Amino acid sequence: MKSKTWKIALMLSLFVAVFAACDDDDEYYYVSGGSSWISYGNLEKIDNGTCSKFAIRRDDGSRLIVSEGAAINSSDAEEGLRVFANYSILGSERDETGLEGNMNYYIRLYRATEVLTKDPVKLSFIKENEEVRQDSIGNDPINVSEAWFGGKYLNVEFRIPVKSGSSTKHFINLVEDDVEVHHDTVYVTLRHNAYGEAPKEGDRGTGSHVWSRGRVSFDLTSIVPEGQKSVPVKLIWTEYKKDSSETVTREDSGTFTLSETNEPEVTNGLNQNNNERKLVTSEDVVGEIN
């Protein structure tokens, strides 16, 4: 594993790309009536005139082409960058030049936020220098709001308690157990290093901590054995009980499949289809500390 990968830390305030407008209207409003959506995807270069240099390829293979709103023309934007997009759909057509059976959706883009992407860390790597690396990767609780497979990723939306006003960076990783045999299932554990910010017993509810929300996508391509296209996965994590500093271990499971879209056919556990969701409140697109 490259050392720079090991040192990547989660920024509590997620980066929001600076976009120019596709039209002359400076004010953008969410469309009422449940027609505003949120999706994960990766930037894809597109010749769309002056409107936007990139489209967004959703995890199901469909493409979001920016027609109005915030153009993706920032110098920080690059091919493959993973984003969390909030948009409304203006129209659609079958994508005859792209992946078979997928759609082009023409959208008004309200916001696109970069999503932290990482590869799993192998347990064997940690054990090579266990005293140092176990401590570095951390054992602090992390509360999972949602977790699901999308494209080649395991997407995790989470909450972590931080000290009010803190700028400390936390470390989030997914550890693959490649040491112990678990039949055909791959065990992965979500790990968190709060760097001393984790609440101690009795701290919760005193006002010393606030909940920070974040998103991370783990590229699971490497966990599929050679010659196979799918593998059962069990996700394990430790989180805080409600309104308490006590913790509980949770788990969820599903089957990760390598395919052109990786969209699962079932809707239970990690195989739920969260590719596109209606925006319930504007709070759903906020990635900063509450």
C-alpha atoms as a PDB file:
ATOM      1  CA  MET A   1       0.000   0.000   0.000  1.00  0.00           C
ATOM      2  CA  LYS A   2       1.293   3.466  -0.868  1.00  0.00           C
ATOM      3  CA  SER A   3       2.173   5.606   2.132  1.00  0.00           C
ATOM      4  CA  LYS A   4       0.164   8.546   0.837  1.00  0.00           C
ATOM      5  CA  THR A   5      -2.966   6.375   0.879  1.00  0.00           C
ATOM      6  CA  TRP A   6      -2.330   5.480   4.511  1.00  0.00           C
ATOM      7  CA  LYS A   7      -2.057   9.145   5.456  1.00  0.00           C
ATOM      8  CA  ILE A   8      -5.227  10.397   3.775  1.00  0.00           C
ATOM      9  CA  ALA A   9      -7.475  11.882   6.467  1.00  0.00           C
ATOM     10  CA  LEU A  10     -11.165  12.768   6.355  1.00  0.00           C
ATOM     11  CA  MET A  11     -11.878  16.500   6.303  1.00  0.00           C
ATOM     12  CA  LEU A  12     -14.827  17.217   8.549  1.00  0.00           C
ATOM     13  CA  SER A  13     -15.877  20.062   6.263  1.00  0.00           C
ATOM     14  CA  LEU A  14     -16.167  18.385   2.877  1.00  0.00           C
ATOM     15  CA  PHE A  15     -14.835  20.190  -0.195  1.00  0.00           C
ATOM     16  CA  VAL A  16     -17.494  21.819  -2.356  1.00  0.00           C
ATOM     17  CA  ALA A  17     -16.344  22.482  -5.924  1.00  0.00           C
ATOM     18  CA  VAL A  18     -16.780  26.040  -7.230  1.00  0.00           C
ATOM     19  CA  PHE A  19     -18.972  26.008 -10.310  1.00  0.00           C
ATOM     20  CA  ALA A  20     -19.986  28.699 -12.761  1.00  0.00           C
ATOM     21  CA  ALA A  21     -23.560  29.148 -13.914  1.00  0.00           C
ATOM     22  CA  CYS A  22     -24.827  27.525 -17.141  1.00  0.00           C
ATOM     23  CA  ASP A  23     -27.331  30.312 -17.755  1.00  0.00           C
ATOM     24  CA  ASP A  24     -27.805  33.975 -16.949  1.00  0.00           C
ATOM     25  CA  ASP A  25     -30.053  33.427 -13.936  1.00  0.00           C
ATOM     26  CA  ASP A  26     -28.057  33.850 -10.732  1.00  0.00           C
ATOM     27  CA  GLU A  27     -30.702  32.378  -8.453  1.00  0.00           C
ATOM     28  CA  TYR A  28     -31.460  28.654  -8.316  1.00  0.00           C
ATOM     29  CA  TYR A  29     -34.388  27.185  -6.467  1.00  0.00           C
ATOM     30  CA  TYR A  30     -35.213  23.610  -5.572  1.00  0.00           C
ATOM     31  CA  VAL A  31     -38.169  22.415  -7.599  1.00  0.00           C
ATOM     32  CA  SER A  32     -41.110  21.632  -5.338  1.00  0.00           C
ATOM     33  CA  GLY A  33     -43.302  18.550  -5.542  1.00  0.00           C
ATOM     34  CA  GLY A  34     -40.587  15.965  -4.932  1.00  0.00           C
ATOM     35  CA  SER A  35     -38.706  16.538  -8.211  1.00  0.00           C
ATOM     36  CA  SER A  36     -35.337  17.337  -6.670  1.00  0.00           C
ATOM     37  CA  TRP A  37     -32.954  14.349  -6.467  1.00  0.00           C
ATOM     38  CA  ILE A  38     -29.635  13.329  -4.922  1.00  0.00           C
ATOM     39  CA  SER A  39     -27.230  10.773  -6.429  1.00  0.00           C
ATOM     40  CA  TYR A  40     -23.649   9.517  -6.237  1.00  0.00           C
ATOM     41  CA  GLY A  41     -21.540   9.349  -9.382  1.00  0.00           C
ATOM     42  CA  ASN A  42     -18.213  10.043 -11.075  1.00  0.00           C
ATOM     43  CA  LEU A  43     -17.292  12.909 -13.365  1.00  0.00           C
ATOM     44  CA  GLU A  44     -16.977  12.078 -17.054  1.00  0.00           C
ATOM     45  CA  LYS A  45     -15.632  14.440 -19.710  1.00  0.00           C
ATOM     46  CA  ILE A  46     -18.210  15.641 -22.192  1.00  0.00           C
ATOM     47  CA  ASP A  47     -18.373  18.105 -25.081  1.00  0.00           C
ATOM     48  CA  ASN A  48     -21.283  20.200 -23.881  1.00  0.00           C
ATOM     49  CA  GLY A  49     -20.287  23.552 -25.286  1.00  0.00           C
ATOM     50  CA  THR A  50     -19.642  26.234 -22.699  1.00  0.00           C
ATOM     51  CA  CYS A  51     -22.208  24.844 -20.250  1.00  0.00           C
ATOM     52  CA  SER A  52     -20.178  22.117 -18.534  1.00  0.00           C
ATOM     53  CA  LYS A  53     -16.952  20.246 -19.228  1.00  0.00           C
ATOM     54  CA  PHE A  54     -18.156  17.196 -17.308  1.00  0.00           C
ATOM     55  CA  ALA A  55     -21.230  15.035 -16.979  1.00  0.00           C
ATOM     56  CA  ILE A  56     -21.909  12.772 -13.963  1.00  0.00           C
ATOM     57  CA  ARG A  57     -22.016   9.016 -14.528  1.00  0.00           C
ATOM     58  CA  ARG A  58     -24.309   7.569 -11.858  1.00  0.00           C
ATOM     59  CA  ASP A  59     -23.584   4.207 -10.252  1.00  0.00           C
ATOM     60  CA  ASP A  60     -26.331   2.569 -12.312  1.00  0.00           C
ATOM     61  CA  GLY A  61     -24.603   3.648 -15.542  1.00  0.00           C
ATOM     62  CA  SER A  62     -27.001   6.448 -16.455  1.00  0.00           C
ATOM     63  CA  ARG A  63     -25.488   9.827 -17.229  1.00  0.00           C
ATOM     64  CA  LEU A  64     -26.454  13.239 -15.845  1.00  0.00           C
ATOM     65  CA  ILE A  65     -25.819  15.982 -18.408  1.00  0.00           C
ATOM     66  CA  VAL A  66     -25.838  19.516 -16.997  1.00  0.00           C
ATOM     67  CA  SER A  67     -28.122  21.784 -19.023  1.00  0.00           C
ATOM     68  CA  GLU A  68     -28.866  24.457 -16.434  1.00  0.00           C
ATOM     69  CA  GLY A  69     -27.662  25.592 -13.045  1.00  0.00           C
ATOM     70  CA  ALA A  70     -24.112  25.042 -11.777  1.00  0.00           C
ATOM     71  CA  ALA A  71     -21.636  24.168 -14.541  1.00  0.00           C
ATOM     72  CA  ILE A  72     -18.837  21.738 -13.695  1.00  0.00           C
ATOM     73  CA  ASN A  73     -15.967  23.828 -15.044  1.00  0.00           C
ATOM     74  CA  SER A  74     -13.808  24.233 -11.942  1.00  0.00           C
ATOM     75  CA  SER A  75     -10.055  23.633 -12.204  1.00  0.00           C
ATOM     76  CA  ASP A  76     -10.494  21.167  -9.326  1.00  0.00           C
ATOM     77  CA  ALA A  77     -12.786  18.967 -11.427  1.00  0.00           C
ATOM     78  CA  GLU A  78     -11.172  15.980 -13.140  1.00  0.00           C
ATOM     79  CA  GLU A  79     -12.179  12.756 -14.871  1.00  0.00           C
ATOM     80  CA  GLY A  80     -13.304  10.109 -12.389  1.00  0.00           C
ATOM     81  CA  LEU A  81     -13.764  12.480  -9.432  1.00  0.00           C
ATOM     82  CA  ARG A  82     -16.536  11.079  -7.241  1.00  0.00           C
ATOM     83  CA  VAL A  83     -19.323  13.487  -6.327  1.00  0.00           C
ATOM     84  CA  PHE A  84     -22.621  13.697  -4.500  1.00  0.00           C
ATOM     85  CA  ALA A  85     -25.039  15.651  -6.678  1.00  0.00           C
ATOM     86  CA  ASN A  86     -28.312  17.463  -5.993  1.00  0.00           C
ATOM     87  CA  TYR A  87     -30.363  18.181  -9.117  1.00  0.00           C
ATOM     88  CA  SER A  88     -33.724  18.171 -10.878  1.00  0.00           C
ATOM     89  CA  ILE A  89     -34.398  16.353 -14.153  1.00  0.00           C
ATOM     90  CA  LEU A  90     -35.387  18.455 -17.174  1.00  0.00           C
ATOM     91  CA  GLY A  91     -35.641  15.661 -19.739  1.00  0.00           C
ATOM     92  CA  SER A  92     -34.247  12.257 -20.742  1.00  0.00           C
ATOM     93  CA  GLU A  93     -33.408  10.025 -23.694  1.00  0.00           C
ATOM     94  CA  ARG A  94     -31.905   6.583 -24.304  1.00  0.00           C
ATOM     95  CA  ASP A  95     -28.105   6.721 -24.382  1.00  0.00           C
ATOM     96  CA  GLU A  96     -27.353   5.197 -27.785  1.00  0.00           C
ATOM     97  CA  THR A  97     -23.595   5.785 -27.582  1.00  0.00           C
ATOM     98  CA  GLY A  98     -22.967   4.754 -23.964  1.00  0.00           C
ATOM     99  CA  LEU A  99     -23.561   1.641 -21.908  1.00  0.00           C
ATOM    100  CA  GLU A 100     -26.375  -0.564 -23.172  1.00  0.00           C
ATOM    101  CA  GLY A 101     -29.784   0.154 -21.689  1.00  0.00           C
ATOM    102  CA  ASN A 102     -28.759   3.326 -19.867  1.00  0.00           C
ATOM    103  CA  MET A 103     -30.256   6.792 -20.023  1.00  0.00           C
ATOM    104  CA  ASN A 104     -29.079  10.344 -20.500  1.00  0.00           C
ATOM    105  CA  TYR A 105     -30.801  12.694 -18.058  1.00  0.00           C
ATOM    106  CA  TYR A 106     -30.635  16.419 -18.756  1.00  0.00           C
ATOM    107  CA  ILE A 107     -30.516  18.184 -15.431  1.00  0.00           C
ATOM    108  CA  ARG A 108     -30.466  21.491 -13.598  1.00  0.00           C
ATOM    109  CA  LEU A 109     -27.564  21.045 -11.173  1.00  0.00           C
ATOM    110  CA  TYR A 110     -27.903  22.726  -7.786  1.00  0.00           C
ATOM    111  CA  ARG A 111     -24.816  21.374  -6.060  1.00  0.00           C
ATOM    112  CA  ALA A 112     -22.089  18.761  -6.480  1.00  0.00           C
ATOM    113  CA  THR A 113     -19.828  17.884  -3.554  1.00  0.00           C
ATOM    114  CA  GLU A 114     -16.651  15.821  -3.709  1.00  0.00           C
ATOM    115  CA  VAL A 115     -16.911  12.435  -1.974  1.00  0.00           C
ATOM    116  CA  LEU A 116     -13.926  10.923  -0.171  1.00  0.00           C
ATOM    117  CA  THR A 117     -12.882   7.717  -1.983  1.00  0.00           C
ATOM    118  CA  LYS A 118     -10.505   5.086  -0.618  1.00  0.00           C
ATOM    119  CA  ASP A 119      -9.367   1.501  -1.087  1.00  0.00           C
ATOM    120  CA  PRO A 120      -9.806  -1.038   1.741  1.00  0.00           C
ATOM    121  CA  VAL A 121      -6.841  -1.584   4.055  1.00  0.00           C
ATOM    122  CA  LYS A 122      -5.816  -5.231   4.412  1.00  0.00           C
ATOM    123  CA  LEU A 123      -5.566  -6.605   7.944  1.00  0.00           C
ATOM    124  CA  SER A 124      -2.309  -8.352   6.998  1.00  0.00           C
ATOM    125  CA  PHE A 125      -0.808  -4.909   6.289  1.00  0.00           C
ATOM    126  CA  ILE A 126      -1.806  -3.702   9.757  1.00  0.00           C
ATOM    127  CA  LYS A 127      -0.328  -6.789  11.390  1.00  0.00           C
ATOM    128  CA  GLU A 128       3.043  -6.157   9.749  1.00  0.00           C
ATOM    129  CA  ASN A 129       3.488  -3.365  12.299  1.00  0.00           C
ATOM    130  CA  GLU A 130       0.518  -4.003  14.547  1.00  0.00           C
ATOM    131  CA  GLU A 131       1.526  -1.925  17.551  1.00  0.00           C
ATOM    132  CA  VAL A 132       1.749   1.247  15.468  1.00  0.00           C
ATOM    133  CA  ARG A 133      -0.848   0.618  12.763  1.00  0.00           C
ATOM    134  CA  GLN A 134      -3.686  -0.648  14.977  1.00  0.00           C
ATOM    135  CA  ASP A 135      -3.399   2.536  16.997  1.00  0.00           C
ATOM    136  CA  SER A 136      -3.164   4.712  13.889  1.00  0.00           C
ATOM    137  CA  ILE A 137      -6.211   3.255  12.161  1.00  0.00           C
ATOM    138  CA  GLY A 138      -8.193   3.685  15.366  1.00  0.00           C
ATOM    139  CA  ASN A 139     -10.956   1.931  17.265  1.00  0.00           C
ATOM    140  CA  ASP A 140     -13.316   4.829  17.929  1.00  0.00           C
ATOM    141  CA  PRO A 141     -17.059   4.340  17.301  1.00  0.00           C
ATOM    142  CA  ILE A 142     -18.679   5.599  14.100  1.00  0.00           C
ATOM    143  CA  ASN A 143     -22.446   5.739  13.603  1.00  0.00           C
ATOM    144  CA  VAL A 144     -23.552   4.490  10.177  1.00  0.00           C
ATOM    145  CA  SER A 145     -26.634   6.235   8.804  1.00  0.00           C
ATOM    146  CA  GLU A 146     -26.733   4.251   5.556  1.00  0.00           C
ATOM    147  CA  ALA A 147     -24.454   1.797   3.717  1.00  0.00           C
ATOM    148  CA  TRP A 148     -24.988   0.223   0.295  1.00  0.00           C
ATOM    149  CA  PHE A 149     -23.260  -1.063  -2.830  1.00  0.00           C
ATOM    150  CA  GLY A 150     -23.246   1.270  -5.840  1.00  0.00           C
ATOM    151  CA  GLY A 151     -21.124   0.816  -8.942  1.00  0.00           C
ATOM    152  CA  LYS A 152     -17.765  -0.526  -7.792  1.00  0.00           C
ATOM    153  CA  TYR A 153     -18.168   1.077  -4.378  1.00  0.00           C
ATOM    154  CA  LEU A 154     -19.417   0.490  -0.879  1.00  0.00           C
ATOM    155  CA  ASN A 155     -20.985   3.851  -0.014  1.00  0.00           C
ATOM    156  CA  VAL A 156     -21.222   4.828   3.642  1.00  0.00           C
ATOM    157  CA  GLU A 157     -22.975   7.840   5.116  1.00  0.00           C
ATOM    158  CA  PHE A 158     -22.012   8.290   8.751  1.00  0.00           C
ATOM    159  CA  ARG A 159     -22.078  10.521  11.818  1.00  0.00           C
ATOM    160  CA  ILE A 160     -19.257  11.097  14.292  1.00  0.00           C
ATOM    161  CA  PRO A 161     -19.191  13.221  17.463  1.00  0.00           C
ATOM    162  CA  VAL A 162     -16.621  16.029  17.497  1.00  0.00           C
ATOM    163  CA  LYS A 163     -15.764  18.717  20.002  1.00  0.00           C
ATOM    164  CA  SER A 164     -17.652  21.924  19.308  1.00  0.00           C
ATOM    165  CA  GLY A 165     -15.534  24.297  17.222  1.00  0.00           C
ATOM    166  CA  SER A 166     -12.836  21.697  16.566  1.00  0.00           C
ATOM    167  CA  SER A 167     -10.829  21.568  13.307  1.00  0.00           C
ATOM    168  CA  THR A 168      -9.249  18.168  14.042  1.00  0.00           C
ATOM    169  CA  LYS A 169      -9.171  15.817  11.049  1.00  0.00           C
ATOM    170  CA  HIS A 170     -10.490  12.301  11.635  1.00  0.00           C
ATOM    171  CA  PHE A 171      -9.302   9.108   9.919  1.00  0.00           C
ATOM    172  CA  ILE A 172     -11.864   6.761   8.316  1.00  0.00           C
ATOM    173  CA  ASN A 173     -10.943   3.387   6.816  1.00  0.00           C
ATOM    174  CA  LEU A 174     -12.369   0.029   5.799  1.00  0.00           C
ATOM    175  CA  VAL A 175     -10.292  -2.948   6.948  1.00  0.00           C
ATOM    176  CA  GLU A 176     -10.539  -6.193   4.977  1.00  0.00           C
ATOM    177  CA  ASP A 177      -9.857  -9.334   7.024  1.00  0.00           C
ATOM    178  CA  ASP A 178      -7.518 -11.277   4.746  1.00  0.00           C
ATOM    179  CA  VAL A 179      -5.956 -13.142   7.678  1.00  0.00           C
ATOM    180  CA  GLU A 180      -8.769 -15.335   8.993  1.00  0.00           C
ATOM    181  CA  VAL A 181     -10.814 -17.534   6.644  1.00  0.00           C
ATOM    182  CA  HIS A 182     -14.585 -16.844   6.735  1.00  0.00           C
ATOM    183  CA  HIS A 183     -15.686 -19.478   4.197  1.00  0.00           C
ATOM    184  CA  ASP A 184     -16.672 -17.536   1.038  1.00  0.00           C
ATOM    185  CA  THR A 185     -17.588 -14.275   2.793  1.00  0.00           C
ATOM    186  CA  VAL A 186     -15.316 -11.245   2.920  1.00  0.00           C
ATOM    187  CA  TYR A 187     -15.410  -9.525   6.317  1.00  0.00           C
ATOM    188  CA  VAL A 188     -14.783  -5.772   6.324  1.00  0.00           C
ATOM    189  CA  THR A 189     -14.744  -3.487   9.357  1.00  0.00           C
ATOM    190  CA  LEU A 190     -15.340   0.262   9.312  1.00  0.00           C
ATOM    191  CA  ARG A 191     -12.670   1.894  11.472  1.00  0.00           C
ATOM    192  CA  HIS A 192     -12.383   5.419  12.858  1.00  0.00           C
ATOM    193  CA  ASN A 193      -9.590   7.326  14.563  1.00  0.00           C
ATOM    194  CA  ALA A 194     -10.978  10.425  16.302  1.00  0.00           C
ATOM    195  CA  TYR A 195      -7.504  11.550  17.423  1.00  0.00           C
ATOM    196  CA  GLY A 196      -8.612  12.067  21.009  1.00  0.00           C
ATOM    197  CA  GLU A 197     -11.955  13.710  20.211  1.00  0.00           C
ATOM    198  CA  ALA A 198     -14.131  10.699  20.995  1.00  0.00           C
ATOM    199  CA  PRO A 199     -16.496  11.346  23.935  1.00  0.00           C
ATOM    200  CA  LYS A 200     -15.531   9.740  27.184  1.00  0.00           C
ATOM    201  CA  GLU A 201     -18.043   8.115  29.494  1.00  0.00           C
ATOM    202  CA  GLY A 202     -20.473  10.738  30.746  1.00  0.00           C
ATOM    203  CA  ASP A 203     -19.529  13.312  28.102  1.00  0.00           C
ATOM    204  CA  ARG A 204     -22.542  12.826  25.839  1.00  0.00           C
ATOM    205  CA  GLY A 205     -25.373  15.241  26.403  1.00  0.00           C
ATOM    206  CA  THR A 206     -23.167  17.834  28.154  1.00  0.00           C
ATOM    207  CA  GLY A 207     -22.833  20.080  25.101  1.00  0.00           C
ATOM    208  CA  SER A 208     -19.106  19.379  24.681  1.00  0.00           C
ATOM    209  CA  HIS A 209     -19.661  17.471  21.415  1.00  0.00           C
ATOM    210  CA  VAL A 210     -21.720  17.957  18.260  1.00  0.00           C
ATOM    211  CA  TRP A 211     -22.528  15.489  15.508  1.00  0.00           C
ATOM    212  CA  SER A 212     -20.600  15.836  12.256  1.00  0.00           C
ATOM    213  CA  ARG A 213     -21.828  14.046   9.145  1.00  0.00           C
ATOM    214  CA  GLY A 214     -19.723  12.656   6.321  1.00  0.00           C
ATOM    215  CA  ARG A 215     -19.668  10.393   3.268  1.00  0.00           C
ATOM    216  CA  VAL A 216     -17.079   7.956   1.978  1.00  0.00           C
ATOM    217  CA  SER A 217     -16.984   5.500  -0.934  1.00  0.00           C
ATOM    218  CA  PHE A 218     -14.688   2.462  -0.768  1.00  0.00           C
ATOM    219  CA  ASP A 219     -13.578   0.877  -4.059  1.00  0.00           C
ATOM    220  CA  LEU A 220     -14.246  -2.859  -3.526  1.00  0.00           C
ATOM    221  CA  THR A 221     -12.764  -4.090  -6.817  1.00  0.00           C
ATOM    222  CA  SER A 222      -9.776  -5.627  -5.011  1.00  0.00           C
ATOM    223  CA  ILE A 223     -11.834  -7.836  -2.666  1.00  0.00           C
ATOM    224  CA  VAL A 224     -13.304 -10.002  -5.460  1.00  0.00           C
ATOM    225  CA  PRO A 225     -11.167 -13.152  -5.885  1.00  0.00           C
ATOM    226  CA  GLU A 226      -9.550 -13.685  -9.283  1.00  0.00           C
ATOM    227  CA  GLY A 227     -11.850 -15.553 -11.631  1.00  0.00           C
ATOM    228  CA  GLN A 228     -15.001 -14.551  -9.723  1.00  0.00           C
ATOM    229  CA  LYS A 229     -17.524 -11.802 -10.383  1.00  0.00           C
ATOM    230  CA  SER A 230     -19.240 -11.630  -7.004  1.00  0.00           C
ATOM    231  CA  VAL A 231     -18.534 -12.191  -3.336  1.00  0.00           C
ATOM    232  CA  PRO A 232     -20.658 -12.120  -0.143  1.00  0.00           C
ATOM    233  CA  VAL A 233     -19.628  -9.235   2.122  1.00  0.00           C
ATOM    234  CA  LYS A 234     -20.231  -8.643   5.815  1.00  0.00           C
ATOM    235  CA  LEU A 235     -19.756  -5.082   7.098  1.00  0.00           C
ATOM    236  CA  ILE A 236     -19.034  -4.617  10.814  1.00  0.00           C
ATOM    237  CA  TRP A 237     -18.783  -1.412  12.826  1.00  0.00           C
ATOM    238  CA  THR A 238     -19.068  -0.118  16.398  1.00  0.00           C
ATOM    239  CA  GLU A 239     -21.337   2.843  17.131  1.00  0.00           C
ATOM    240  CA  TYR A 240     -22.738   4.843  20.032  1.00  0.00           C
ATOM    241  CA  LYS A 241     -26.104   3.989  21.479  1.00  0.00           C
ATOM    242  CA  LYS A 242     -28.671   6.769  21.273  1.00  0.00           C
ATOM    243  CA  ASP A 243     -27.945   9.600  23.740  1.00  0.00           C
ATOM    244  CA  SER A 244     -25.244   7.553  25.418  1.00  0.00           C
ATOM    245  CA  SER A 245     -21.462   7.089  25.452  1.00  0.00           C
ATOM    246  CA  GLU A 246     -22.058   3.327  25.574  1.00  0.00           C
ATOM    247  CA  THR A 247     -21.328   1.448  22.357  1.00  0.00           C
ATOM    248  CA  VAL A 248     -22.779  -1.468  20.423  1.00  0.00           C
ATOM    249  CA  THR A 249     -21.415  -3.556  17.537  1.00  0.00           C
ATOM    250  CA  ARG A 250     -23.526  -3.616  14.377  1.00  0.00           C
ATOM    251  CA  GLU A 251     -23.304  -5.564  11.121  1.00  0.00           C
ATOM    252  CA  ASP A 252     -24.915  -5.686   7.701  1.00  0.00           C
ATOM    253  CA  SER A 253     -24.363  -7.911   4.687  1.00  0.00           C
ATOM    254  CA  GLY A 254     -24.972  -8.284   0.963  1.00  0.00           C
ATOM    255  CA  THR A 255     -23.424  -9.620  -2.233  1.00  0.00           C
ATOM    256  CA  PHE A 256     -20.998  -7.375  -4.093  1.00  0.00           C
ATOM    257  CA  THR A 257     -20.956  -8.031  -7.848  1.00  0.00           C
ATOM    258  CA  LEU A 258     -18.519  -6.867 -10.492  1.00  0.00           C
ATOM    259  CA  SER A 259     -20.445  -5.831 -13.571  1.00  0.00           C
ATOM    260  CA  GLU A 260     -20.766  -2.833 -15.852  1.00  0.00           C
ATOM    261  CA  THR A 261     -23.104  -1.093 -13.430  1.00  0.00           C
ATOM    262  CA  ASN A 262     -22.897  -3.260 -10.273  1.00  0.00           C
ATOM    263  CA  GLU A 263     -26.529  -2.442  -9.536  1.00  0.00           C
ATOM    264  CA  PRO A 264     -27.917  -5.221  -7.284  1.00  0.00           C
ATOM    265  CA  GLU A 265     -31.186  -6.913  -8.075  1.00  0.00           C
ATOM    266  CA  VAL A 266     -32.349  -7.223  -4.467  1.00  0.00           C
ATOM    267  CA  THR A 267     -33.147  -4.450  -2.014  1.00  0.00           C
ATOM    268  CA  ASN A 268     -32.136  -5.785   1.401  1.00  0.00           C
ATOM    269  CA  GLY A 269     -29.064  -5.008   3.482  1.00  0.00           C
ATOM    270  CA  LEU A 270     -26.088  -3.586   1.592  1.00  0.00           C
ATOM    271  CA  ASN A 271     -27.820  -4.409  -1.679  1.00  0.00           C
ATOM    272  CA  GLN A 272     -30.414  -1.667  -1.276  1.00  0.00           C
ATOM    273  CA  ASN A 273     -30.686   0.602  -4.290  1.00  0.00           C
ATOM    274  CA  ASN A 274     -29.770   4.092  -3.087  1.00  0.00           C
ATOM    275  CA  ASN A 275     -28.518   5.348  -6.432  1.00  0.00           C
ATOM    276  CA  GLU A 276     -31.173   8.027  -6.759  1.00  0.00           C
ATOM    277  CA  ARG A 277     -33.200   9.459  -3.907  1.00  0.00           C
ATOM    278  CA  LYS A 278     -35.716  12.244  -3.617  1.00  0.00           C
ATOM    279  CA  LEU A 279     -34.506  15.205  -1.646  1.00  0.00           C
ATOM    280  CA  VAL A 280     -36.651  15.344   1.479  1.00  0.00           C
ATOM    281  CA  THR A 281     -35.118  18.469   2.997  1.00  0.00           C
ATOM    282  CA  SER A 282     -32.266  20.770   2.062  1.00  0.00           C
ATOM    283  CA  GLU A 283     -30.408  19.361   5.078  1.00  0.00           C
ATOM    284  CA  ASP A 284     -29.794  16.145   3.129  1.00  0.00           C
ATOM    285  CA  VAL A 285     -27.170  17.796   0.931  1.00  0.00           C
ATOM    286  CA  VAL A 286     -25.167  19.423   3.725  1.00  0.00           C
ATOM    287  CA  GLY A 287     -21.775  17.869   4.456  1.00  0.00           C
ATOM    288  CA  GLU A 288     -20.566  20.248   7.137  1.00  0.00           C
ATOM    289  CA  ILE A 289     -20.662  19.992  10.914  1.00  0.00           C
ATOM    290  CA  ASN A 290     -24.203  20.448  12.220  1.00  0.00           C
END
